[in-house]
C-alpha atoms as a PDB file:
ATOM      1  CA  UNK A   1      -0.337   0.184  -0.143  1.00  0.00           C
ATOM      2  CA  UNK A   2       2.832   2.375   1.142  1.00  0.00           C
ATOM      3  CA  UNK A   3       4.173   2.167  -2.673  1.00  0.00           C
ATOM      4  CA  UNK A   4       0.828   2.758  -4.324  1.00  0.00           C
ATOM      5  CA  UNK A   5       0.770   6.162  -2.207  1.00  0.00           C
ATOM      6  CA  UNK A   6       4.529   6.734  -2.977  1.00  0.00           C
ATOM      7  CA  UNK A   7       3.675   6.399  -6.745  1.00  0.00           C
ATOM      8  CA  UNK A   8       0.436   8.611  -6.415  1.00  0.00           C
ATOM      9  CA  UNK A   9       2.534  11.162  -4.539  1.00  0.00           C
ATOM     10  CA  UNK A  10       5.334  11.163  -7.205  1.00  0.00           C
ATOM     11  CA  UNK A  11       2.395  11.619  -9.723  1.00  0.00           C
ATOM     12  CA  UNK A  12       1.092  14.492  -7.790  1.00  0.00           C
ATOM     13  CA  UNK A  13       4.219  16.270  -7.939  1.00  0.00           C
ATOM     14  CA  UNK A  14       4.989  15.442 -11.476  1.00  0.00           C
ATOM     15  CA  UNK A  15       1.721  17.143 -12.475  1.00  0.00           C
ATOM     16  CA  UNK A  16       2.277  20.236 -10.114  1.00  0.00           C
ATOM     17  CA  UNK A  17       5.456  20.609 -11.542  1.00  0.00           C
ATOM     18  CA  UNK A  18       4.141  20.199 -15.365  1.00  0.00           C
ATOM     19  CA  UNK A  19       1.518  23.078 -14.298  1.00  0.00           C
ATOM     20  CA  UNK A  20       4.074  25.416 -12.289  1.00  0.00           C
ATOM     21  CA  UNK A  21       6.710  24.882 -15.888  1.00  0.00           C
ATOM     22  CA  UNK A  22       3.620  26.005 -18.154  1.00  0.00           C
ATOM     23  CA  UNK A  23       2.655  28.789 -16.243  1.00  0.00           C
ATOM     24  CA  UNK A  24       6.355  30.326 -16.213  1.00  0.00           C
ATOM     25  CA  UNK A  25       7.222  29.024 -19.549  1.00  0.00           C
ATOM     26  CA  UNK A  26       3.859  29.462 -21.708  1.00  0.00           C
ATOM     27  CA  UNK A  27       5.179  32.571 -23.690  1.00  0.00           C
ATOM     28  CA  UNK A  28       7.828  30.542 -25.350  1.00  0.00           C
ATOM     29  CA  UNK A  29       5.423  28.183 -26.287  1.00  0.00           C
ATOM     30  CA  UNK A  30       2.706  30.659 -27.766  1.00  0.00           C
ATOM     31  CA  UNK A  31       5.208  32.833 -29.315  1.00  0.00           C
ATOM     32  CA  UNK A  32       8.360  32.036 -31.263  1.00  0.00           C
ATOM     33  CA  UNK A  33      10.163  34.874 -31.647  1.00  0.00           C
ATOM     34  CA  UNK A  34      13.061  36.223 -33.688  1.00  0.00           C
ATOM     35  CA  UNK A  35      14.716  38.897 -33.170  1.00  0.00           C
ATOM     36  CA  UNK A  36      15.921  41.078 -36.479  1.00  0.00           C
ATOM     37  CA  UNK A  37      18.908  43.667 -35.757  1.00  0.00           C
ATOM     38  CA  UNK A  38      18.068  47.173 -36.533  1.00  0.00           C
ATOM     39  CA  UNK A  39      20.589  47.261 -38.969  1.00  0.00           C
ATOM     40  CA  UNK A  40      18.971  44.868 -41.337  1.00  0.00           C
ATOM     41  CA  UNK A  41      17.705  45.522 -44.851  1.00  0.00           C
ATOM     42  CA  UNK A  42      14.491  43.671 -45.884  1.00  0.00           C
ATOM     43  CA  UNK A  43      14.892  41.765 -49.413  1.00  0.00           C
ATOM     44  CA  UNK A  44      11.291  41.579 -50.473  1.00  0.00           C
ATOM     45  CA  UNK A  45      10.723  43.041 -54.160  1.00  0.00           C
ATOM     46  CA  UNK A  46       7.988  46.313 -54.896  1.00  0.00           C
ATOM     47  CA  UNK A  47       8.144  49.561 -53.090  1.00  0.00           C
ATOM     48  CA  UNK A  48       7.889  49.337 -49.027  1.00  0.00           C
ATOM     49  CA  UNK A  49       8.923  51.139 -46.224  1.00  0.00           C
ATOM     50  CA  UNK A  50       9.929  50.526 -42.552  1.00  0.00           C
ATOM     51  CA  UNK A  51       7.652  52.192 -39.855  1.00  0.00           C
ATOM     52  CA  UNK A  52       8.002  52.688 -35.989  1.00  0.00           C
ATOM     53  CA  UNK A  53       5.898  53.690 -33.135  1.00  0.00           C
ATOM     54  CA  UNK A  54       6.956  54.409 -30.114  1.00  0.00           C
ATOM     55  CA  UNK A  55       4.544  53.603 -27.258  1.00  0.00           C
ATOM     56  CA  UNK A  56       3.749  54.948 -23.796  1.00  0.00           C
ATOM     57  CA  UNK A  57       4.919  52.019 -21.928  1.00  0.00           C
ATOM     58  CA  UNK A  58       8.171  52.763 -23.430  1.00  0.00           C
ATOM     59  CA  UNK A  59       8.253  50.001 -26.454  1.00  0.00           C
ATOM     60  CA  UNK A  60       9.391  50.371 -29.936  1.00  0.00           C
ATOM     61  CA  UNK A  61       7.142  48.757 -32.277  1.00  0.00           C
ATOM     62  CA  UNK A  62       8.136  48.000 -35.784  1.00  0.00           C
ATOM     63  CA  UNK A  63       6.159  47.297 -39.174  1.00  0.00           C
ATOM     64  CA  UNK A  64       6.595  47.197 -43.113  1.00  0.00           C
ATOM     65  CA  UNK A  65       4.381  48.799 -45.181  1.00  0.00           C
ATOM     66  CA  UNK A  66       3.999  47.963 -48.845  1.00  0.00           C
ATOM     67  CA  UNK A  67       2.519  50.347 -51.652  1.00  0.00           C
ATOM     68  CA  UNK A  68       0.273  49.458 -54.424  1.00  0.00           C
ATOM     69  CA  UNK A  69       0.859  50.960 -57.713  1.00  0.00           C
ATOM     70  CA  UNK A  70      -2.715  52.185 -57.712  1.00  0.00           C
ATOM     71  CA  UNK A  71      -3.892  51.419 -54.213  1.00  0.00           C
ATOM     72  CA  UNK A  72      -7.507  50.526 -53.427  1.00  0.00           C
ATOM     73  CA  UNK A  73      -7.470  50.090 -50.034  1.00  0.00           C
ATOM     74  CA  UNK A  74      -5.072  49.002 -47.685  1.00  0.00           C
ATOM     75  CA  UNK A  75      -5.033  45.571 -45.580  1.00  0.00           C
ATOM     76  CA  UNK A  76      -3.554  44.982 -41.903  1.00  0.00           C
ATOM     77  CA  UNK A  77      -1.754  41.769 -42.030  1.00  0.00           C
ATOM     78  CA  UNK A  78      -1.325  40.391 -38.460  1.00  0.00           C
ATOM     79  CA  UNK A  79       0.858  37.204 -38.851  1.00  0.00           C
ATOM     80  CA  UNK A  80       1.350  33.950 -37.095  1.00  0.00           C
ATOM     81  CA  UNK A  81       3.194  33.220 -33.935  1.00  0.00           C
ATOM     82  CA  UNK A  82       6.222  31.829 -35.796  1.00  0.00           C
ATOM     83  CA  UNK A  83       9.022  34.232 -37.149  1.00  0.00           C
ATOM     84  CA  UNK A  84       8.865  37.674 -38.152  1.00  0.00           C
ATOM     85  CA  UNK A  85       8.329  40.088 -41.156  1.00  0.00           C
ATOM     86  CA  UNK A  86      11.288  38.884 -42.012  1.00  0.00           C
ATOM     87  CA  UNK A  87       9.529  35.629 -43.073  1.00  0.00           C
ATOM     88  CA  UNK A  88       5.977  36.962 -43.455  1.00  0.00           C
ATOM     89  CA  UNK A  89       6.863  39.943 -45.645  1.00  0.00           C
ATOM     90  CA  UNK A  90       6.910  37.795 -48.824  1.00  0.00           C
ATOM     91  CA  UNK A  91       3.315  37.212 -48.640  1.00  0.00           C
ATOM     92  CA  UNK A  92       2.597  40.687 -48.695  1.00  0.00           C
ATOM     93  CA  UNK A  93       2.626  40.873 -52.600  1.00  0.00           C
ATOM     94  CA  UNK A  94      -0.251  38.869 -53.131  1.00  0.00           C
ATOM     95  CA  UNK A  95      -2.284  41.528 -51.879  1.00  0.00           C
ATOM     96  CA  UNK A  96      -0.184  44.531 -53.356  1.00  0.00           C
ATOM     97  CA  UNK A  97      -0.994  42.588 -56.597  1.00  0.00           C
ATOM     98  CA  UNK A  98      -4.564  43.256 -55.914  1.00  0.00           C
ATOM     99  CA  UNK A  99      -4.220  46.877 -55.671  1.00  0.00           C
ATOM    100  CA  UNK A 100      -3.724  47.017 -51.716  1.00  0.00           C
ATOM    101  CA  UNK A 101      -0.898  48.826 -49.499  1.00  0.00           C
ATOM    102  CA  UNK A 102      -0.228  46.442 -46.772  1.00  0.00           C
ATOM    103  CA  UNK A 103       0.790  47.085 -43.805  1.00  0.00           C
ATOM    104  CA  UNK A 104       2.578  43.862 -41.444  1.00  0.00           C
ATOM    105  CA  UNK A 105       3.588  44.850 -37.875  1.00  0.00           C
ATOM    106  CA  UNK A 106       5.686  42.621 -35.734  1.00  0.00           C
ATOM    107  CA  UNK A 107       3.946  42.009 -32.428  1.00  0.00           C
ATOM    108  CA  UNK A 108       6.437  42.849 -29.947  1.00  0.00           C
ATOM    109  CA  UNK A 109       9.741  40.607 -29.124  1.00  0.00           C
ATOM    110  CA  UNK A 110       9.309  39.817 -33.128  1.00  0.00           C
ATOM    111  CA  UNK A 111      11.874  41.291 -35.630  1.00  0.00           C
ATOM    112  CA  UNK A 112      12.657  44.863 -34.543  1.00  0.00           C
ATOM    113  CA  UNK A 113       9.816  45.447 -32.518  1.00  0.00           C
ATOM    114  CA  UNK A 114      10.690  45.682 -28.741  1.00  0.00           C
ATOM    115  CA  UNK A 115       8.592  45.699 -25.491  1.00  0.00           C
ATOM    116  CA  UNK A 116       7.356  43.742 -22.804  1.00  0.00           C
ATOM    117  CA  UNK A 117       4.710  41.074 -23.625  1.00  0.00           C
ATOM    118  CA  UNK A 118       1.379  40.983 -22.229  1.00  0.00           C
ATOM    119  CA  UNK A 119      -2.050  40.550 -23.943  1.00  0.00           C
ATOM    120  CA  UNK A 120      -3.381  43.787 -22.946  1.00  0.00           C
ATOM    121  CA  UNK A 121      -0.047  45.284 -24.681  1.00  0.00           C
ATOM    122  CA  UNK A 122      -0.430  43.257 -27.726  1.00  0.00           C
ATOM    123  CA  UNK A 123      -4.352  44.864 -27.972  1.00  0.00           C
ATOM    124  CA  UNK A 124      -3.192  48.171 -27.248  1.00  0.00           C
ATOM    125  CA  UNK A 125      -0.164  47.854 -29.791  1.00  0.00           C
ATOM    126  CA  UNK A 126      -2.750  46.774 -32.685  1.00  0.00           C
ATOM    127  CA  UNK A 127      -4.890  49.529 -31.745  1.00  0.00           C
ATOM    128  CA  UNK A 128      -1.879  51.870 -32.277  1.00  0.00           C
ATOM    129  CA  UNK A 129      -1.530  50.908 -35.918  1.00  0.00           C
ATOM    130  CA  UNK A 130      -4.859  51.072 -36.892  1.00  0.00           C
ATOM    131  CA  UNK A 131      -4.925  54.412 -35.772  1.00  0.00           C
ATOM    132  CA  UNK A 132      -1.695  54.956 -37.881  1.00  0.00           C
ATOM    133  CA  UNK A 133      -3.188  53.829 -41.081  1.00  0.00           C
ATOM    134  CA  UNK A 134      -6.665  56.085 -40.327  1.00  0.00           C
ATOM    135  CA  UNK A 135      -4.113  58.756 -40.886  1.00  0.00           C
ATOM    136  CA  UNK A 136      -3.787  57.848 -44.852  1.00  0.00           C
ATOM    137  CA  UNK A 137      -7.071  56.038 -45.536  1.00  0.00           C
ATOM    138  CA  UNK A 138     -10.612  56.085 -44.768  1.00  0.00           C
ATOM    139  CA  UNK A 139     -12.186  53.241 -42.513  1.00  0.00           C
ATOM    140  CA  UNK A 140     -14.295  51.758 -45.280  1.00  0.00           C
ATOM    141  CA  UNK A 141     -11.048  51.281 -47.159  1.00  0.00           C
ATOM    142  CA  UNK A 142      -9.207  49.006 -44.295  1.00  0.00           C
ATOM    143  CA  UNK A 143      -9.110  45.374 -44.624  1.00  0.00           C
ATOM    144  CA  UNK A 144      -7.969  43.610 -41.224  1.00  0.00           C
ATOM    145  CA  UNK A 145      -6.854  40.238 -41.708  1.00  0.00           C
ATOM    146  CA  UNK A 146      -5.466  37.684 -39.151  1.00  0.00           C
ATOM    147  CA  UNK A 147      -3.130  34.339 -39.599  1.00  0.00           C
ATOM    148  CA  UNK A 148      -3.390  32.091 -36.622  1.00  0.00           C
ATOM    149  CA  UNK A 149      -2.386  33.178 -33.604  1.00  0.00           C
ATOM    150  CA  UNK A 150      -2.964  36.933 -35.414  1.00  0.00           C
ATOM    151  CA  UNK A 151      -6.622  36.343 -35.813  1.00  0.00           C
ATOM    152  CA  UNK A 152      -5.926  36.873 -31.446  1.00  0.00           C
ATOM    153  CA  UNK A 153      -5.120  40.863 -32.561  1.00  0.00           C
ATOM    154  CA  UNK A 154      -7.489  41.110 -35.674  1.00  0.00           C
ATOM    155  CA  UNK A 155     -10.895  40.133 -34.670  1.00  0.00           C
ATOM    156  CA  UNK A 156     -11.069  42.371 -31.627  1.00  0.00           C
ATOM    157  CA  UNK A 157      -9.433  45.168 -33.192  1.00  0.00           C
ATOM    158  CA  UNK A 158     -12.242  44.855 -35.818  1.00  0.00           C
ATOM    159  CA  UNK A 159     -14.837  44.380 -33.406  1.00  0.00           C
ATOM    160  CA  UNK A 160     -14.106  47.646 -32.091  1.00  0.00           C
ATOM    161  CA  UNK A 161     -13.997  49.317 -35.203  1.00  0.00           C
ATOM    162  CA  UNK A 162     -16.054  49.356 -38.946  1.00  0.00           C
ATOM    163  CA  UNK A 163     -13.657  48.388 -41.657  1.00  0.00           C
ATOM    164  CA  UNK A 164     -14.345  47.502 -45.167  1.00  0.00           C
ATOM    165  CA  UNK A 165     -14.019  43.447 -43.695  1.00  0.00           C
ATOM    166  CA  UNK A 166     -12.414  41.265 -41.696  1.00  0.00           C
ATOM    167  CA  UNK A 167     -10.622  37.908 -42.869  1.00  0.00           C
ATOM    168  CA  UNK A 168      -9.438  35.379 -40.876  1.00  0.00           C
ATOM    169  CA  UNK A 169      -6.992  32.333 -41.785  1.00  0.00           C
ATOM    170  CA  UNK A 170      -6.874  29.243 -39.818  1.00  0.00           C
ATOM    171  CA  UNK A 171      -8.100  31.135 -36.487  1.00  0.00           C
ATOM    172  CA  UNK A 172      -9.309  29.535 -33.579  1.00  0.00           C
ATOM    173  CA  UNK A 173     -12.458  30.683 -30.981  1.00  0.00           C
ATOM    174  CA  UNK A 174     -10.033  30.859 -28.347  1.00  0.00           C
ATOM    175  CA  UNK A 175      -6.610  29.814 -27.166  1.00  0.00           C
ATOM    176  CA  UNK A 176      -7.317  27.452 -24.593  1.00  0.00           C
ATOM    177  CA  UNK A 177      -9.322  25.255 -27.255  1.00  0.00           C
ATOM    178  CA  UNK A 178      -6.107  25.236 -29.021  1.00  0.00           C
ATOM    179  CA  UNK A 179      -3.620  24.696 -25.656  1.00  0.00           C
ATOM    180  CA  UNK A 180      -6.405  22.108 -25.002  1.00  0.00           C
ATOM    181  CA  UNK A 181      -6.047  20.398 -27.994  1.00  0.00           C
ATOM    182  CA  UNK A 182      -2.226  19.987 -27.704  1.00  0.00           C
ATOM    183  CA  UNK A 183      -2.185  18.719 -23.970  1.00  0.00           C
ATOM    184  CA  UNK A 184      -5.436  18.031 -22.382  1.00  0.00           C
ATOM    185  CA  UNK A 185      -4.683  17.149 -18.971  1.00  0.00           C
ATOM    186  CA  UNK A 186      -3.436  21.065 -17.524  1.00  0.00           C
ATOM    187  CA  UNK A 187      -6.422  23.516 -16.074  1.00  0.00           C
ATOM    188  CA  UNK A 188      -5.314  26.329 -18.545  1.00  0.00           C
ATOM    189  CA  UNK A 189      -8.249  28.203 -17.534  1.00  0.00           C
ATOM    190  CA  UNK A 190      -6.033  29.057 -14.430  1.00  0.00           C
ATOM    191  CA  UNK A 191      -2.786  29.056 -15.785  1.00  0.00           C
ATOM    192  CA  UNK A 192      -3.194  30.680 -19.534  1.00  0.00           C
ATOM    193  CA  UNK A 193      -2.202  34.601 -19.363  1.00  0.00           C
ATOM    194  CA  UNK A 194      -3.002  35.038 -23.039  1.00  0.00           C
ATOM    195  CA  UNK A 195      -6.763  33.348 -23.641  1.00  0.00           C
ATOM    196  CA  UNK A 196      -7.041  35.806 -26.855  1.00  0.00           C
ATOM    197  CA  UNK A 197     -11.375  35.483 -26.767  1.00  0.00           C
ATOM    198  CA  UNK A 198     -11.898  35.915 -30.356  1.00  0.00           C
ATOM    199  CA  UNK A 199     -15.372  34.014 -29.783  1.00  0.00           C
ATOM    200  CA  UNK A 200     -16.384  37.257 -27.050  1.00  0.00           C
ATOM    201  CA  UNK A 201     -15.042  39.593 -30.013  1.00  0.00           C
ATOM    202  CA  UNK A 202     -16.728  38.352 -32.553  1.00  0.00           C
ATOM    203  CA  UNK A 203     -20.304  38.680 -30.515  1.00  0.00           C
ATOM    204  CA  UNK A 204     -19.932  42.421 -31.219  1.00  0.00           C
ATOM    205  CA  UNK A 205     -18.496  42.465 -34.758  1.00  0.00           C
ATOM    206  CA  UNK A 206     -19.919  44.818 -37.562  1.00  0.00           C
ATOM    207  CA  UNK A 207     -18.159  44.382 -40.454  1.00  0.00           C
ATOM    208  CA  UNK A 208     -18.579  41.248 -42.861  1.00  0.00           C
ATOM    209  CA  UNK A 209     -16.537  38.259 -41.456  1.00  0.00           C
ATOM    210  CA  UNK A 210     -14.433  35.398 -44.271  1.00  0.00           C
ATOM    211  CA  UNK A 211     -13.015  32.969 -42.075  1.00  0.00           C
ATOM    212  CA  UNK A 212     -10.677  30.509 -44.003  1.00  0.00           C
ATOM    213  CA  UNK A 213      -9.988  27.116 -42.566  1.00  0.00           C
ATOM    214  CA  UNK A 214      -8.476  23.588 -43.663  1.00  0.00           C
ATOM    215  CA  UNK A 215     -10.480  20.322 -41.984  1.00  0.00           C
ATOM    216  CA  UNK A 216      -7.006  18.718 -41.873  1.00  0.00           C
ATOM    217  CA  UNK A 217      -5.418  21.755 -39.657  1.00  0.00           C
ATOM    218  CA  UNK A 218      -3.542  19.964 -37.000  1.00  0.00           C
ATOM    219  CA  UNK A 219      -2.119  23.124 -35.200  1.00  0.00           C
ATOM    220  CA  UNK A 220      -5.852  24.841 -34.799  1.00  0.00           C
ATOM    221  CA  UNK A 221      -8.639  22.779 -34.548  1.00  0.00           C
ATOM    222  CA  UNK A 222     -11.093  23.043 -37.781  1.00  0.00           C
ATOM    223  CA  UNK A 223     -14.272  22.459 -35.017  1.00  0.00           C
ATOM    224  CA  UNK A 224     -12.711  25.690 -33.081  1.00  0.00           C
ATOM    225  CA  UNK A 225     -12.497  27.913 -36.191  1.00  0.00           C
ATOM    226  CA  UNK A 226     -16.183  26.576 -37.189  1.00  0.00           C
ATOM    227  CA  UNK A 227     -17.206  27.559 -33.537  1.00  0.00           C
ATOM    228  CA  UNK A 228     -15.725  31.161 -33.733  1.00  0.00           C
ATOM    229  CA  UNK A 229     -18.087  31.248 -37.327  1.00  0.00           C
ATOM    230  CA  UNK A 230     -21.397  30.401 -35.579  1.00  0.00           C
ATOM    231  CA  UNK A 231     -20.984  33.377 -33.559  1.00  0.00           C
ATOM    232  CA  UNK A 232     -20.571  36.304 -36.304  1.00  0.00           C
ATOM    233  CA  UNK A 233     -24.099  38.012 -35.751  1.00  0.00           C
ATOM    234  CA  UNK A 234     -26.694  36.942 -37.794  1.00  0.00           C
ATOM    235  CA  UNK A 235     -26.922  40.735 -38.937  1.00  0.00           C
ATOM    236  CA  UNK A 236     -23.337  40.594 -40.289  1.00  0.00           C
ATOM    237  CA  UNK A 237     -22.336  39.060 -43.725  1.00  0.00           C
ATOM    238  CA  UNK A 238     -20.227  35.717 -43.050  1.00  0.00           C
ATOM    239  CA  UNK A 239     -18.610  33.415 -45.077  1.00  0.00           C
ATOM    240  CA  UNK A 240     -16.815  30.002 -43.866  1.00  0.00           C
ATOM    241  CA  UNK A 241     -14.570  28.497 -46.756  1.00  0.00           C
ATOM    242  CA  UNK A 242     -13.594  25.347 -45.576  1.00  0.00           C
ATOM    243  CA  UNK A 243     -10.457  23.480 -47.453  1.00  0.00           C
ATOM    244  CA  UNK A 244     -11.057  19.660 -47.136  1.00  0.00           C
ATOM    245  CA  UNK A 245      -7.607  18.863 -47.732  1.00  0.00           C
ATOM    246  CA  UNK A 246      -6.265  22.104 -46.292  1.00  0.00           C
ATOM    247  CA  UNK A 247      -3.885  22.063 -43.432  1.00  0.00           C
ATOM    248  CA  UNK A 248      -2.475  25.200 -41.220  1.00  0.00           C
ATOM    249  CA  UNK A 249       0.078  26.199 -43.550  1.00  0.00           C
ATOM    250  CA  UNK A 250      -0.911  25.223 -46.890  1.00  0.00           C
ATOM    251  CA  UNK A 251      -4.310  27.194 -47.950  1.00  0.00           C
ATOM    252  CA  UNK A 252      -2.797  29.633 -50.848  1.00  0.00           C
ATOM    253  CA  UNK A 253      -1.494  26.551 -52.674  1.00  0.00           C
ATOM    254  CA  UNK A 254      -5.137  25.565 -53.255  1.00  0.00           C
ATOM    255  CA  UNK A 255      -6.942  27.688 -56.393  1.00  0.00           C
ATOM    256  CA  UNK A 256     -10.087  28.316 -54.296  1.00  0.00           C
ATOM    257  CA  UNK A 257      -7.835  30.789 -51.994  1.00  0.00           C
ATOM    258  CA  UNK A 258      -6.928  32.866 -54.856  1.00  0.00           C
ATOM    259  CA  UNK A 259     -10.255  32.769 -56.172  1.00  0.00           C
ATOM    260  CA  UNK A 260     -11.632  33.818 -52.856  1.00  0.00           C
ATOM    261  CA  UNK A 261      -9.298  36.694 -52.505  1.00  0.00           C
ATOM    262  CA  UNK A 262      -9.734  38.066 -56.427  1.00  0.00           C
ATOM    263  CA  UNK A 263     -13.851  37.944 -55.320  1.00  0.00           C
ATOM    264  CA  UNK A 264     -13.544  39.812 -52.125  1.00  0.00           C
ATOM    265  CA  UNK A 265     -10.919  41.855 -52.872  1.00  0.00           C
ATOM    266  CA  UNK A 266     -10.881  42.452 -56.771  1.00  0.00           C
ATOM    267  CA  UNK A 267      -9.444  41.329 -59.376  1.00  0.00           C
ATOM    268  CA  UNK A 268      -5.682  41.961 -60.227  1.00  0.00           C
ATOM    269  CA  UNK A 269      -4.765  45.716 -61.081  1.00  0.00           C
ATOM    270  CA  UNK A 270      -3.342  44.241 -64.660  1.00  0.00           C
ATOM    271  CA  UNK A 271      -6.582  42.376 -65.121  1.00  0.00           C
ATOM    272  CA  UNK A 272      -8.977  45.376 -64.717  1.00  0.00           C
END
C-alpha cells in the first residue's frame, strides 16, 4: 500500500511541476519569436518602407508598409506566431497585386519590435497601428486580416471599429481550445495568461467576416474555427470557406484561395 501512495505522490508532484513549468514558460510556446537587427535591410520586391511607433509604456514597434501602384485600399496583416516580418513579408505581394497597400506589423519581441509582452499590450499595439492607418485612409478602405495567432489581434480590433471587412485565416475561437488540443490534461483556465477570446469579440462584430480553414489543420482545430463562425452576429455578412484537404499553412496553394481573394478584394490591377 505504501508503494501505491508513493507512486501517487510522485504523479501528483510531476503534475504540479508540469503546471508550474507551463505557467512560467508559456510565452515561449505561444510566441515563437525571432529578433532582427535594427540594421537589417529587407530584400522584398516592390516598394515598401519601414515604420516605427513608440508606445506610452516604452516599447518600440516596427512594421513594414508595402505600397501598391494604384491602391484601392489598405490591408493590415497580423501574422502568425512563428517568425517575424522577415519571414512573413513575402506574402504581402499577393495583396499588393490586387491593389492594396499592406501594413504588416511585428508584435513585441518579434523582428525589430521591442517591448514587454502582455495580452493587453498586444491589443493596445494593434489599436495604435490601426489609428496610424486611419491617418492615410478612410475606414471603409481598411481590410483587417489575421493569420492563426494573428486572428487574436485582428478579431478584437475589427470588433471595435468598422473596417471594410475582416478576413481570418486558420483562426481559433480562443487559445484555450488550441492549448487543450495539444495537451488536454492541464488546467489552462487557471494557467493561461493569453486566452485571446475571439469568441467574445466576435459577438460584437459589425463588419463582414470571412473565415478560411482547412479540415486537416493539426495546429488549430477546424472545430474551433467553426465555432467562431457560428458566433458571427446574424446581422453581419459571413462566409466560412472550408478547404477539405487543407492543413494549417498550405491554404494559399489551393486555387480556391486565390479565387476567394479576387472575389472579395477585387481583380489584379493588370487584369482590370
